Amino acid sequence: MDLFSFTLNRTANASAWRVLPNRWDFIAFPLIICLIAMAVVGFHETMAPISTLQNAPISLDPANLPEYALRTTLRMLAAMVASLVFTLVYGTLAAKSRRAGQVLVPILDILQSVPVLGYISFTVTFFLALFPSRVLGAELAAIFAIFTSQAWNMTFSFYQSLRTVPRDLDEVSKGFHLTSWQRFWKLEVPFSMPGLIWNMMMSMSGGWFFVVASEAITVGNHTITLPGMGSYLAQAIAEKNLHAIGWVILTMTVVILAYDQFLFRPLVAWTDKFRMENTSSGDAPESWLLDLIRRTRLIHRLLVPIGWMFAKAARVPIRWPRVGPVRFAKPVEHKPSKTGDIVWSVIVMLVTAFVVYRVVAYVRTGVTLDEVGHVFVLGLLTLLRVTLLIALASVVWLPVGVLIGLRPALAEKVQPLAQFLAAFPANLLFPAFVLVIVRFDLNPDIWLSPLIVLGTQWYILFNVIAGASAYPNDYKEAAKNFRIRGWQWWRQAMLPGVFPYYVTGAITASGGAWNASIVAEAVQWGDTKVAAHGLGAYIAQYTAAGDYPKIILGIAVMSLFVSLFNRVLWRPLYAYAESRLRLD
């Protein structure tokens, strides 16, 4: 054998050897097969006849919990995918188009204020009509309900990131003549990744708060109960079964740890490369699963073509008109048309007037003016609760979030705990609150209030952690070198860096608190019911009664309060963060 033939064979053997799986592939392949099997089983169950749900009532036998946990997790993952698509499309339109933003941002305020029960009440019939004889219709209704508890904070986070892209990076993208499509995937999406990933974690955990409502679909006098952990929990509460509640808490803990390790921990470690800095971070986040995928040979080679396709798609020079907000100090060449603004404003006002007219005409059929005044008073009571609780949560979680975000090693340890606390449904605390309030004859208006902020305070914590973790290491080193400490460090260094993220968290926490008031202001343990005076209890009461005019009245008043509160407080803070507190 000559030298050339030997070299050729050796090269061929080496190439073949690189294609063969290694020991890491044999560890990763079972994980991938399990994920595919989960998806196949879930899809098979959704295509079953809807009569199977009536023939198989929810059982409190703990042996059923693995199946219930699988069904609930698949619904939440499906809703997460839908939320991500919605975020990229809606957030981009709101941030890039000045005229669209004038409409889409207020609509987003309204959407996050509409209770999950409100969405369920008016969308169930539509989804069931799509697949009248299949479980898939009820599944889509449940997924949509979970989607409404996940999408809004992700959209707010992405919108905030697009509006606060550093000007120097903006100028660089122009210098490289990037098209709008290239700029979106090469600059804006990577810049938004840290905040978006942490808000995805919060959305996933926040979905547990309303999973009970989403898995019990009521149509007329009939209730369709989907197998899942939410329906299991509702059945346990109805039967006062503390052992079953203990089992569901244990199962929920295992599920949260699982998707933390297999989904969010790898994502957090992966997004560390999108940090905006010139020096490397001293302690980067790690993920054993991400390291495992990187060490595989065959799986890694299979993923390379997919990555290449996405990279090529991101470089396609697609162009569309640049309609984004003013971002540079120098004036923009083309001023917006005043005629176009007037026409657009007239169209928006006419559509709004038509919608208001139709709503008022329908509500008048079952509501008096005295009822409207009463609902506004209830709204003021809930507003007082929400404002005080959000203020207290901000004082507590803003410094804690900065402490965690600046320490990736600490964030890795706290991340599963934070997800569990954020996912912990208020329903599990109903027995304790009801028994204590009844036993000691306490005032429900005061002692039910903590349930409102129990699941929403974490929006503030997660967004502040995202802001602190994305804070450039260059700035931290500069502050250290200049010996900036104490209050000066907070005022001049850290608060400007995390403030846009905090505002995003506070907006979504405020909207979530209004939504949570429906669950928290009217609680039940078996046959014992305790209710506070507030708009949430009002909506919950008439949702159970099926009084649609009063449901719409309650939802409309809640949306009005949330929109005005955001317009008076959070929007000016948003504008201040966008114009004065950008990391340029």
Protein backbone atom coordinates (compact mmCIF):
# COMPACT_ATOMS: atom_id res chain seq x y z
CA MET A 1 0.00 0.00 0.00
CA ASP A 2 1.49 3.34 -1.03
CA LEU A 3 1.52 6.44 1.15
CA PHE A 4 -1.30 8.11 -0.80
CA SER A 5 -3.64 5.13 -0.38
CA PHE A 6 -2.79 4.87 3.30
CA THR A 7 -3.53 8.55 3.84
CA LEU A 8 -6.81 8.33 1.89
CA ASN A 9 -8.01 5.30 3.85
CA ARG A 10 -7.04 6.91 7.12
CA THR A 11 -8.96 10.06 6.23
CA ALA A 12 -12.00 8.00 5.16
CA ASN A 13 -11.88 5.98 8.36
CA ALA A 14 -11.62 9.17 10.43
CA SER A 15 -14.63 10.64 8.63
CA ALA A 16 -16.62 7.46 9.21
CA TRP A 17 -15.55 7.40 12.83
CA ARG A 18 -16.80 10.99 13.33
CA VAL A 19 -20.24 9.92 12.05
CA LEU A 20 -20.51 6.94 14.41
CA PRO A 21 -22.22 7.66 17.76
CA ASN A 22 -20.15 7.99 20.91
CA ARG A 23 -21.06 7.20 24.50
CA TRP A 24 -22.75 10.58 24.94
CA ASP A 25 -25.06 9.80 22.00
CA PHE A 26 -26.23 6.64 23.78
CA ILE A 27 -27.19 8.81 26.78
CA ALA A 28 -28.90 11.53 24.75
CA PHE A 29 -30.85 9.28 22.37
CA PRO A 30 -33.15 7.82 25.10
CA LEU A 31 -34.01 11.37 26.20
CA ILE A 32 -34.97 12.31 22.65
CA ILE A 33 -36.99 9.11 22.20
CA CYS A 34 -38.87 9.82 25.44
CA LEU A 35 -39.74 13.34 24.26
CA ILE A 36 -41.01 12.01 20.92
CA ALA A 37 -43.03 9.31 22.69
CA MET A 38 -44.60 11.91 24.99
CA ALA A 39 -45.67 14.01 22.02
CA VAL A 40 -47.09 10.99 20.16
CA VAL A 41 -49.06 9.78 23.20
CA GLY A 42 -50.43 13.27 23.82
CA PHE A 43 -51.52 13.68 20.19
CA HIS A 44 -53.18 10.25 20.23
CA GLU A 45 -55.17 11.20 23.33
CA THR A 46 -56.39 14.46 21.78
CA MET A 47 -57.85 12.62 18.78
CA ALA A 48 -60.02 10.36 20.96
CA PRO A 49 -63.83 10.80 20.93
CA ILE A 50 -65.03 13.41 23.40
CA SER A 51 -67.30 10.81 25.00
CA THR A 52 -64.19 9.23 26.56
CA LEU A 53 -63.93 12.21 28.93
CA GLN A 54 -67.41 11.52 30.30
CA ASN A 55 -66.74 7.81 30.65
CA ALA A 56 -63.46 8.34 32.54
CA PRO A 57 -64.02 10.78 35.44
CA ILE A 58 -61.08 12.25 37.34
CA SER A 59 -59.71 9.78 39.88
CA LEU A 60 -57.74 10.81 42.97
CA ASP A 61 -55.69 7.64 42.81
CA PRO A 62 -52.01 8.82 42.86
CA ALA A 63 -51.21 6.21 40.21
CA ASN A 64 -52.98 8.43 37.67
CA LEU A 65 -50.82 11.47 38.41
CA PRO A 66 -48.00 10.64 35.92
CA GLU A 67 -50.51 10.56 33.06
CA TYR A 68 -52.22 13.73 34.33
CA ALA A 69 -48.85 15.47 34.67
CA LEU A 70 -47.94 14.51 31.10
CA ARG A 71 -51.21 15.87 29.71
CA THR A 72 -50.89 19.16 31.62
CA THR A 73 -47.23 19.62 30.65
CA LEU A 74 -47.97 19.05 26.96
CA ARG A 75 -50.76 21.65 27.08
CA MET A 76 -48.45 24.17 28.71
CA LEU A 77 -45.65 23.52 26.20
CA ALA A 78 -48.08 23.89 23.29
CA ALA A 79 -49.31 27.17 24.77
CA MET A 80 -45.68 28.26 25.20
CA VAL A 81 -44.93 27.70 21.52
CA ALA A 82 -48.03 29.68 20.55
CA SER A 83 -47.04 32.45 22.99
CA LEU A 84 -43.55 32.66 21.47
CA VAL A 85 -44.92 33.03 17.93
CA PHE A 86 -47.41 35.64 19.13
CA THR A 87 -44.64 37.52 20.96
CA LEU A 88 -42.35 37.75 17.94
CA VAL A 89 -45.12 38.96 15.61
CA TYR A 90 -47.13 41.22 17.93
CA GLY A 91 -44.15 42.70 19.78
CA THR A 92 -42.38 43.52 16.53
CA LEU A 93 -45.41 45.27 15.05
CA ALA A 94 -46.00 47.26 18.24
CA ALA A 95 -42.35 48.37 18.48
CA LYS A 96 -41.59 48.96 14.80
CA SER A 97 -44.77 50.63 13.56
CA ARG A 98 -45.61 53.93 15.21
CA ARG A 99 -49.24 53.86 14.12
CA ALA A 100 -49.72 50.19 14.92
CA GLY A 101 -48.08 50.73 18.32
CA GLN A 102 -50.64 53.38 19.19
CA VAL A 103 -53.30 50.68 18.96
CA LEU A 104 -51.48 47.45 19.78
CA VAL A 105 -49.93 48.57 23.07
CA PRO A 106 -53.26 49.67 24.65
CA ILE A 107 -54.85 46.48 23.31
CA LEU A 108 -52.09 44.49 25.01
CA ASP A 109 -52.92 46.27 28.27
CA ILE A 110 -56.54 45.21 27.84
CA LEU A 111 -55.67 41.64 26.85
CA GLN A 112 -53.58 41.06 29.96
CA SER A 113 -56.36 42.48 32.14
CA VAL A 114 -59.08 40.23 30.72
CA PRO A 115 -59.42 37.30 33.13
CA VAL A 116 -58.74 33.76 32.02
CA LEU A 117 -62.31 32.96 32.99
CA GLY A 118 -63.42 35.66 30.57
CA TYR A 119 -61.53 34.06 27.68
CA ILE A 120 -62.87 30.64 28.56
CA SER A 121 -66.46 31.90 28.74
CA PHE A 122 -66.42 33.26 25.19
CA THR A 123 -64.06 30.95 23.29
CA VAL A 124 -65.06 27.46 24.40
CA THR A 125 -67.97 27.20 21.98
CA PHE A 126 -65.75 28.23 19.05
CA PHE A 127 -63.05 25.63 19.75
CA LEU A 128 -65.54 22.86 20.43
CA ALA A 129 -67.30 23.65 17.16
CA LEU A 130 -64.03 23.17 15.26
CA PHE A 131 -63.81 19.52 16.37
CA PRO A 132 -67.28 18.68 17.72
CA SER A 133 -66.74 14.96 18.25
CA ARG A 134 -63.10 14.98 19.37
CA VAL A 135 -61.23 15.78 22.54
CA LEU A 136 -59.06 18.09 20.41
CA GLY A 137 -61.65 20.88 20.58
CA ALA A 138 -61.62 20.91 24.37
CA GLU A 139 -57.82 20.60 24.35
CA LEU A 140 -57.50 23.65 22.10
CA ALA A 141 -59.80 25.60 24.43
CA ALA A 142 -57.61 24.65 27.41
CA ILE A 143 -54.40 25.48 25.52
CA PHE A 144 -55.82 28.86 24.52
CA ALA A 145 -56.74 29.60 28.13
CA ILE A 146 -53.19 28.76 29.25
CA PHE A 147 -51.86 30.84 26.34
CA THR A 148 -53.70 33.88 27.72
CA SER A 149 -51.83 33.45 31.01
CA GLN A 150 -48.44 33.17 29.29
CA ALA A 151 -48.26 35.43 26.27
CA TRP A 152 -48.66 38.97 27.59
CA ASN A 153 -45.57 39.27 29.80
CA MET A 154 -43.41 37.68 27.07
CA THR A 155 -44.74 40.22 24.58
CA PHE A 156 -44.11 43.13 26.95
CA SER A 157 -40.55 41.90 27.52
CA PHE A 158 -39.82 41.58 23.79
CA TYR A 159 -41.41 44.96 23.08
CA GLN A 160 -39.29 46.59 25.80
CA SER A 161 -36.12 45.01 24.38
CA LEU A 162 -36.85 46.22 20.85
CA ARG A 163 -37.41 49.73 22.13
CA THR A 164 -34.19 49.84 24.14
CA VAL A 165 -31.63 48.37 21.72
CA PRO A 166 -28.41 50.38 22.34
CA ARG A 167 -27.86 53.16 19.83
CA ASP A 168 -24.28 52.16 19.10
CA LEU A 169 -25.41 48.66 18.03
CA ASP A 170 -28.15 50.32 16.00
CA GLU A 171 -25.56 52.42 14.19
CA VAL A 172 -23.34 49.37 13.60
CA SER A 173 -26.23 47.50 11.96
CA LYS A 174 -26.76 50.48 9.67
CA GLY A 175 -23.04 50.61 8.91
CA PHE A 176 -23.14 46.97 7.79
CA HIS A 177 -26.23 47.75 5.65
CA LEU A 178 -28.31 45.05 7.29
CA THR A 179 -31.84 44.73 5.99
CA SER A 180 -34.76 44.83 8.42
CA TRP A 181 -34.96 41.03 8.31
CA GLN A 182 -31.24 40.58 9.00
CA ARG A 183 -31.24 43.20 11.72
CA PHE A 184 -34.18 41.47 13.41
CA TRP A 185 -32.44 38.08 13.68
CA LYS A 186 -28.85 39.30 14.07
CA LEU A 187 -29.37 42.14 16.56
CA GLU A 188 -32.84 42.54 18.02
CA VAL A 189 -33.75 38.93 18.81
CA PRO A 190 -30.32 38.14 20.35
CA PHE A 191 -30.47 41.35 22.42
CA SER A 192 -33.93 40.41 23.72
CA MET A 193 -33.01 36.79 24.55
CA PRO A 194 -32.04 37.10 28.26
CA GLY A 195 -35.24 38.91 29.20
CA LEU A 196 -37.38 36.74 26.94
CA ILE A 197 -36.05 33.46 28.37
CA TRP A 198 -36.67 34.52 31.97
CA ASN A 199 -40.18 35.68 31.03
CA MET A 200 -40.77 32.32 29.35
CA MET A 201 -39.88 30.71 32.68
CA MET A 202 -42.30 33.01 34.44
CA SER A 203 -45.00 32.28 31.86
CA MET A 204 -44.53 28.54 32.25
CA SER A 205 -44.77 28.84 36.01
CA GLY A 206 -47.58 31.37 35.89
CA GLY A 207 -49.65 29.00 33.77
CA TRP A 208 -49.98 26.68 36.77
CA PHE A 209 -51.92 29.40 38.56
CA PHE A 210 -54.85 29.07 36.14
CA VAL A 211 -54.45 25.45 35.12
CA VAL A 212 -57.45 24.52 37.30
CA ALA A 213 -59.73 26.87 35.39
CA SER A 214 -58.34 25.85 31.99
CA GLU A 215 -58.91 22.10 32.45
CA ALA A 216 -62.59 22.40 33.43
CA ILE A 217 -64.52 23.50 30.31
CA THR A 218 -68.13 24.55 30.94
CA VAL A 219 -70.64 24.66 28.08
CA GLY A 220 -74.12 25.55 29.15
CA ASN A 221 -75.06 23.20 31.98
CA HIS A 222 -72.37 20.68 31.06
CA THR A 223 -68.76 20.64 32.28
CA ILE A 224 -66.03 18.90 30.29
CA THR A 225 -63.15 17.97 32.58
CA LEU A 226 -59.85 17.25 30.87
CA PRO A 227 -57.43 14.81 32.54
CA GLY A 228 -54.68 16.85 34.15
CA MET A 229 -53.15 18.07 37.37
CA GLY A 230 -55.46 21.08 37.48
CA SER A 231 -58.61 18.97 37.35
CA TYR A 232 -57.04 16.55 39.87
CA LEU A 233 -56.42 19.48 42.24
CA ALA A 234 -59.95 20.84 41.76
CA GLN A 235 -61.39 17.41 42.58
CA ALA A 236 -59.18 17.13 45.68
CA ILE A 237 -60.33 20.54 46.93
CA ALA A 238 -63.98 19.68 46.27
CA GLU A 239 -63.61 16.44 48.30
CA LYS A 240 -61.39 18.03 51.01
CA ASN A 241 -58.78 15.34 50.38
CA LEU A 242 -55.54 16.58 51.96
CA HIS A 243 -53.64 13.44 50.97
CA ALA A 244 -54.46 14.05 47.30
CA ILE A 245 -53.34 17.68 47.63
CA GLY A 246 -50.04 16.44 49.07
CA TRP A 247 -49.58 14.09 46.12
CA VAL A 248 -50.28 16.84 43.59
CA ILE A 249 -47.75 19.15 45.28
CA LEU A 250 -45.13 16.40 45.09
CA THR A 251 -45.91 15.72 41.42
CA MET A 252 -45.85 19.41 40.56
CA THR A 253 -42.42 19.71 42.19
CA VAL A 254 -41.05 16.84 40.09
CA VAL A 255 -42.51 18.31 36.88
CA ILE A 256 -41.08 21.78 37.59
CA LEU A 257 -37.64 20.34 38.31
CA ALA A 258 -37.86 18.29 35.10
CA TYR A 259 -38.65 21.15 32.74
CA ASP A 260 -36.14 23.34 34.58
CA GLN A 261 -33.35 20.84 33.89
CA PHE A 262 -34.43 19.79 30.39
CA LEU A 263 -35.64 23.12 29.00
CA PHE A 264 -34.90 26.32 30.87
CA ARG A 265 -31.49 25.56 32.36
CA PRO A 266 -30.05 24.82 28.87
CA LEU A 267 -31.75 27.93 27.47
CA VAL A 268 -30.31 30.19 30.20
CA ALA A 269 -26.83 28.75 29.62
CA TRP A 270 -27.21 29.12 25.85
CA THR A 271 -28.36 32.77 26.02
CA ASP A 272 -25.29 33.77 28.03
CA LYS A 273 -23.50 34.24 24.70
CA PHE A 274 -25.90 37.09 23.87
CA ARG A 275 -24.68 39.26 26.75
CA MET A 276 -23.81 42.79 25.58
CA GLU A 277 -20.20 43.20 26.72
CA ASN A 278 -16.60 43.19 25.59
CA THR A 279 -15.20 41.13 28.47
CA SER A 280 -16.33 37.63 29.37
CA SER A 281 -18.42 37.08 32.48
CA GLY A 282 -16.52 35.61 35.36
CA ASP A 283 -19.03 32.89 36.22
CA ALA A 284 -21.13 31.78 33.25
CA PRO A 285 -24.30 29.70 33.80
CA GLU A 286 -23.96 25.99 33.08
CA SER A 287 -26.26 23.16 31.99
CA TRP A 288 -25.43 19.48 32.06
CA LEU A 289 -27.90 18.81 29.23
CA LEU A 290 -26.36 21.47 26.98
CA ASP A 291 -22.89 20.07 27.73
CA LEU A 292 -24.21 16.58 26.93
CA ILE A 293 -25.56 17.67 23.53
CA ARG A 294 -22.28 19.41 22.72
CA ARG A 295 -20.30 16.26 23.57
CA THR A 296 -22.40 13.98 21.37
CA ARG A 297 -21.06 13.10 17.94
CA LEU A 298 -23.97 11.87 15.84
CA ILE A 299 -26.66 14.13 17.34
CA HIS A 300 -24.36 17.11 17.08
CA ARG A 301 -23.72 16.38 13.40
CA LEU A 302 -27.47 15.99 12.82
CA LEU A 303 -28.11 19.38 14.43
CA VAL A 304 -25.46 21.18 12.37
CA PRO A 305 -27.55 21.26 9.13
CA ILE A 306 -30.52 22.64 11.08
CA GLY A 307 -28.37 25.40 12.54
CA TRP A 308 -26.94 26.11 9.10
CA MET A 309 -30.44 26.45 7.64
CA PHE A 310 -31.51 28.90 10.34
CA ALA A 311 -28.32 30.92 9.90
CA LYS A 312 -28.87 31.09 6.14
CA ALA A 313 -32.51 32.13 6.63
CA ALA A 314 -31.42 34.92 8.98
CA ARG A 315 -29.03 36.26 6.32
CA VAL A 316 -31.61 36.45 3.52
CA PRO A 317 -31.66 40.14 2.48
CA ILE A 318 -35.40 40.64 2.82
CA ARG A 319 -36.36 44.30 2.95
CA TRP A 320 -39.51 46.00 4.11
CA PRO A 321 -40.28 49.65 4.83
CA ARG A 322 -38.59 50.95 7.95
CA VAL A 323 -41.39 52.30 10.14
CA GLY A 324 -39.72 52.00 13.51
CA PRO A 325 -39.61 54.66 16.20
CA VAL A 326 -37.04 57.43 16.12
CA ARG A 327 -33.83 56.02 17.56
CA PHE A 328 -31.09 58.45 16.65
CA ALA A 329 -30.08 61.90 17.70
CA LYS A 330 -30.07 63.25 14.15
CA PRO A 331 -33.46 63.94 12.55
CA VAL A 332 -35.07 61.35 10.34
CA GLU A 333 -35.25 62.25 6.69
CA HIS A 334 -38.87 61.26 6.11
CA LYS A 335 -41.42 62.74 8.45
CA PRO A 336 -44.64 60.80 8.99
CA SER A 337 -47.60 61.99 6.98
CA LYS A 338 -50.03 64.09 9.01
CA THR A 339 -52.83 63.13 6.65
CA GLY A 340 -52.07 59.47 7.23
CA ASP A 341 -52.05 60.02 11.01
CA ILE A 342 -55.44 61.72 10.85
CA VAL A 343 -56.97 58.98 8.71
CA TRP A 344 -55.52 56.29 10.98
CA SER A 345 -56.81 58.06 14.13
CA VAL A 346 -60.29 58.41 12.63
CA ILE A 347 -60.39 54.70 11.73
CA VAL A 348 -59.28 53.69 15.22
CA MET A 349 -61.84 55.98 16.86
CA LEU A 350 -64.67 54.69 14.66
CA VAL A 351 -63.80 51.04 15.36
CA THR A 352 -63.51 51.77 19.09
CA ALA A 353 -66.83 53.62 19.14
CA PHE A 354 -68.53 50.73 17.32
CA VAL A 355 -67.14 48.14 19.76
CA VAL A 356 -68.14 50.27 22.78
CA TYR A 357 -71.64 50.74 21.35
CA ARG A 358 -72.13 47.01 20.84
CA VAL A 359 -70.85 46.17 24.32
CA VAL A 360 -73.02 48.79 25.99
CA ALA A 361 -76.08 47.69 24.01
CA TYR A 362 -75.59 44.09 25.13
CA VAL A 363 -74.79 44.92 28.76
CA ARG A 364 -77.89 47.14 29.08
CA THR A 365 -80.09 44.08 28.60
CA GLY A 366 -79.17 42.77 32.05
CA VAL A 367 -77.50 45.61 33.97
CA THR A 368 -78.81 48.84 35.54
CA LEU A 369 -76.95 52.10 36.17
CA ASP A 370 -76.86 51.33 39.90
CA GLU A 371 -75.13 48.06 39.09
CA VAL A 372 -72.53 49.91 37.01
CA GLY A 373 -71.79 52.29 39.89
CA HIS A 374 -71.51 49.35 42.29
CA VAL A 375 -69.02 47.60 39.99
CA PHE A 376 -66.87 50.75 39.77
CA VAL A 377 -66.71 50.88 43.58
CA LEU A 378 -65.65 47.23 43.65
CA GLY A 379 -63.01 48.07 41.05
CA LEU A 380 -61.61 50.82 43.29
CA LEU A 381 -61.31 48.34 46.17
CA THR A 382 -59.40 45.88 44.00
CA LEU A 383 -57.24 48.73 42.66
CA LEU A 384 -56.24 49.65 46.22
CA ARG A 385 -55.26 46.05 46.96
CA VAL A 386 -53.27 45.66 43.75
CA THR A 387 -51.40 48.96 44.19
CA LEU A 388 -50.34 48.24 47.76
CA LEU A 389 -49.30 44.68 47.03
CA ILE A 390 -47.27 45.59 43.92
CA ALA A 391 -45.49 48.33 45.89
CA LEU A 392 -44.59 45.89 48.67
CA ALA A 393 -43.45 43.26 46.17
CA SER A 394 -41.24 45.83 44.42
CA VAL A 395 -39.53 46.84 47.66
CA VAL A 396 -38.79 43.20 48.46
CA TRP A 397 -37.92 41.64 45.10
CA LEU A 398 -36.03 44.43 43.32
CA PRO A 399 -32.89 44.13 45.50
CA VAL A 400 -33.26 40.34 45.71
CA GLY A 401 -33.47 40.07 41.92
CA VAL A 402 -30.32 42.17 41.48
CA LEU A 403 -28.48 40.03 44.04
CA ILE A 404 -29.43 36.83 42.19
CA GLY A 405 -28.93 38.15 38.66
CA LEU A 406 -25.38 39.33 39.31
CA ARG A 407 -24.36 35.88 40.54
CA PRO A 408 -24.95 33.18 37.87
CA ALA A 409 -23.94 30.41 40.29
CA LEU A 410 -26.55 31.60 42.78
CA ALA A 411 -29.11 32.01 39.99
CA GLU A 412 -28.65 28.35 39.02
CA LYS A 413 -29.47 27.29 42.59
CA VAL A 414 -32.37 29.70 43.01
CA GLN A 415 -33.90 29.14 39.55
CA PRO A 416 -35.78 25.87 40.35
CA LEU A 417 -36.98 27.26 43.70
CA ALA A 418 -38.20 30.47 42.08
CA GLN A 419 -40.01 28.50 39.37
CA PHE A 420 -41.67 26.30 41.99
CA LEU A 421 -42.82 29.29 44.07
CA ALA A 422 -44.07 31.06 40.94
CA ALA A 423 -45.92 27.91 39.85
CA PHE A 424 -47.42 27.22 43.26
CA PRO A 425 -51.18 27.62 42.67
CA ALA A 426 -53.07 29.75 45.13
CA ASN A 427 -55.71 27.02 45.17
CA LEU A 428 -53.41 24.91 47.34
CA LEU A 429 -53.54 27.57 50.06
CA PHE A 430 -57.33 27.82 50.05
CA PRO A 431 -57.75 25.28 52.88
CA ALA A 432 -55.40 27.16 55.20
CA PHE A 433 -56.85 30.61 54.43
CA VAL A 434 -60.48 29.49 54.68
CA LEU A 435 -59.97 27.58 57.92
CA VAL A 436 -58.00 30.41 59.59
CA ILE A 437 -60.43 33.13 58.46
CA VAL A 438 -63.46 31.15 59.65
CA ARG A 439 -61.81 29.94 62.86
CA PHE A 440 -60.70 33.40 64.04
CA ASP A 441 -63.48 35.38 62.34
CA LEU A 442 -61.00 37.49 60.34
CA ASN A 443 -61.83 40.12 57.72
CA PRO A 444 -61.65 38.50 54.25
CA ASP A 445 -61.07 41.91 52.64
CA ILE A 446 -57.66 42.00 54.35
CA TRP A 447 -56.62 38.39 54.78
CA LEU A 448 -57.47 37.19 51.27
CA SER A 449 -55.37 39.98 49.73
CA PRO A 450 -52.02 38.10 49.89
CA LEU A 451 -53.44 35.48 47.52
CA ILE A 452 -53.64 38.17 44.80
CA VAL A 453 -49.90 38.78 44.70
CA LEU A 454 -48.84 35.21 45.49
CA GLY A 455 -48.45 34.21 41.85
CA THR A 456 -47.76 37.61 40.25
CA GLN A 457 -44.97 39.03 42.41
CA TRP A 458 -42.57 36.70 40.59
CA TYR A 459 -42.95 38.70 37.38
CA ILE A 460 -40.98 41.45 39.12
CA LEU A 461 -38.34 39.05 40.45
CA PHE A 462 -37.83 37.20 37.14
CA ASN A 463 -37.57 40.39 35.08
CA VAL A 464 -35.13 42.02 37.50
CA ILE A 465 -33.01 38.83 37.46
CA ALA A 466 -33.04 38.98 33.66
CA GLY A 467 -31.97 42.63 33.71
CA ALA A 468 -29.19 42.04 36.23
CA SER A 469 -27.93 38.92 34.42
CA ALA A 470 -27.81 40.88 31.14
CA TYR A 471 -25.99 43.81 32.78
CA PRO A 472 -22.66 44.21 30.91
CA ASN A 473 -19.62 42.96 32.75
CA ASP A 474 -17.74 46.02 31.39
CA TYR A 475 -19.96 48.31 33.43
CA LYS A 476 -19.54 46.22 36.56
CA GLU A 477 -15.77 46.38 36.23
CA ALA A 478 -15.87 50.14 35.59
CA ALA A 479 -17.97 50.72 38.71
CA LYS A 480 -15.55 48.58 40.70
CA ASN A 481 -12.49 50.41 39.38
CA PHE A 482 -14.00 53.81 40.14
CA ARG A 483 -14.95 52.58 43.63
CA ILE A 484 -18.66 53.32 43.15
CA ARG A 485 -20.43 51.77 46.12
CA GLY A 486 -23.57 51.98 48.25
CA TRP A 487 -26.46 54.16 47.17
CA GLN A 488 -24.35 55.77 44.44
CA TRP A 489 -23.85 52.32 42.89
CA TRP A 490 -27.60 51.69 42.95
CA ARG A 491 -28.52 55.12 41.61
CA GLN A 492 -25.87 55.52 38.89
CA ALA A 493 -25.00 51.97 37.90
CA MET A 494 -27.51 49.23 38.68
CA LEU A 495 -30.95 50.90 38.70
CA PRO A 496 -30.51 52.41 35.21
CA GLY A 497 -29.51 48.96 33.95
CA VAL A 498 -32.44 47.00 35.41
CA PHE A 499 -35.12 49.70 35.40
CA PRO A 500 -36.57 48.88 31.92
CA TYR A 501 -36.80 45.23 32.98
CA TYR A 502 -38.41 46.20 36.30
CA VAL A 503 -41.06 48.27 34.53
CA THR A 504 -41.87 45.31 32.29
CA GLY A 505 -42.17 43.05 35.34
CA ALA A 506 -44.28 45.58 37.23
CA ILE A 507 -46.70 46.03 34.31
CA THR A 508 -47.23 42.30 33.92
CA ALA A 509 -47.38 41.78 37.69
CA SER A 510 -50.04 44.46 37.96
CA GLY A 511 -52.11 42.96 35.15
CA GLY A 512 -51.62 39.49 36.57
CA ALA A 513 -52.72 40.66 40.01
CA TRP A 514 -56.00 41.92 38.57
CA ASN A 515 -56.43 38.58 36.85
CA ALA A 516 -55.57 36.68 40.03
CA SER A 517 -58.14 38.66 42.01
CA ILE A 518 -60.85 36.52 40.40
CA VAL A 519 -59.38 33.44 42.05
CA ALA A 520 -58.17 35.14 45.24
CA GLU A 521 -61.18 37.26 46.25
CA ALA A 522 -63.56 34.30 46.32
CA VAL A 523 -62.13 31.07 47.75
CA GLN A 524 -63.73 27.77 48.64
CA TRP A 525 -62.81 24.70 50.67
CA GLY A 526 -65.43 22.02 50.26
CA ASP A 527 -68.77 23.66 51.01
CA THR A 528 -67.22 26.57 52.93
CA LYS A 529 -66.94 29.77 50.89
CA VAL A 530 -65.19 33.00 51.84
CA ALA A 531 -65.34 36.12 49.65
CA ALA A 532 -63.89 39.62 49.83
CA HIS A 533 -65.44 42.77 48.41
CA GLY A 534 -63.87 43.41 45.05
CA LEU A 535 -64.17 43.20 41.29
CA GLY A 536 -62.55 39.76 41.14
CA ALA A 537 -65.15 38.21 43.43
CA TYR A 538 -67.89 39.89 41.36
CA ILE A 539 -66.64 38.35 38.10
CA ALA A 540 -66.14 34.93 39.71
CA GLN A 541 -69.67 34.99 41.16
CA TYR A 542 -71.43 35.80 37.89
CA THR A 543 -69.18 33.53 35.82
CA ALA A 544 -70.37 30.65 37.97
CA ALA A 545 -73.96 31.86 37.50
CA GLY A 546 -73.54 32.25 33.71
CA ASP A 547 -74.79 35.88 33.74
CA TYR A 548 -73.03 37.12 30.60
CA PRO A 549 -74.08 40.82 30.72
CA LYS A 550 -72.61 41.13 34.22
CA ILE A 551 -69.53 39.12 33.23
CA ILE A 552 -68.89 41.53 30.35
CA LEU A 553 -69.50 44.52 32.65
CA GLY A 554 -66.98 43.24 35.17
CA ILE A 555 -64.38 42.47 32.50
CA ALA A 556 -64.91 45.87 30.83
CA VAL A 557 -64.48 47.74 34.10
CA MET A 558 -61.39 45.71 34.97
CA SER A 559 -59.87 46.40 31.54
CA LEU A 560 -60.64 50.11 31.95
CA PHE A 561 -58.92 50.27 35.36
CA VAL A 562 -55.85 48.38 34.10
CA SER A 563 -55.56 50.52 30.96
CA LEU A 564 -55.86 53.80 32.87
CA PHE A 565 -53.41 52.63 35.55
CA ASN A 566 -50.88 51.66 32.90
CA ARG A 567 -51.40 54.89 30.98
CA VAL A 568 -51.03 57.11 34.07
CA LEU A 569 -48.11 55.32 35.77
CA TRP A 570 -46.36 52.57 33.80
CA ARG A 571 -46.31 54.11 30.32
CA PRO A 572 -44.54 57.31 31.49
CA LEU A 573 -42.02 55.12 33.33
CA TYR A 574 -41.58 53.07 30.15
CA ALA A 575 -40.90 56.24 28.15
CA TYR A 576 -38.43 57.46 30.78
CA ALA A 577 -36.57 54.14 30.75
CA GLU A 578 -36.50 54.14 26.96
CA SER A 579 -35.15 57.70 26.60
CA ARG A 580 -32.97 58.18 29.70
CA LEU A 581 -31.90 54.76 31.00
CA ARG A 582 -30.51 52.92 27.99
CA LEU A 583 -27.18 51.14 28.13
CA ASP A 584 -25.51 53.05 25.28
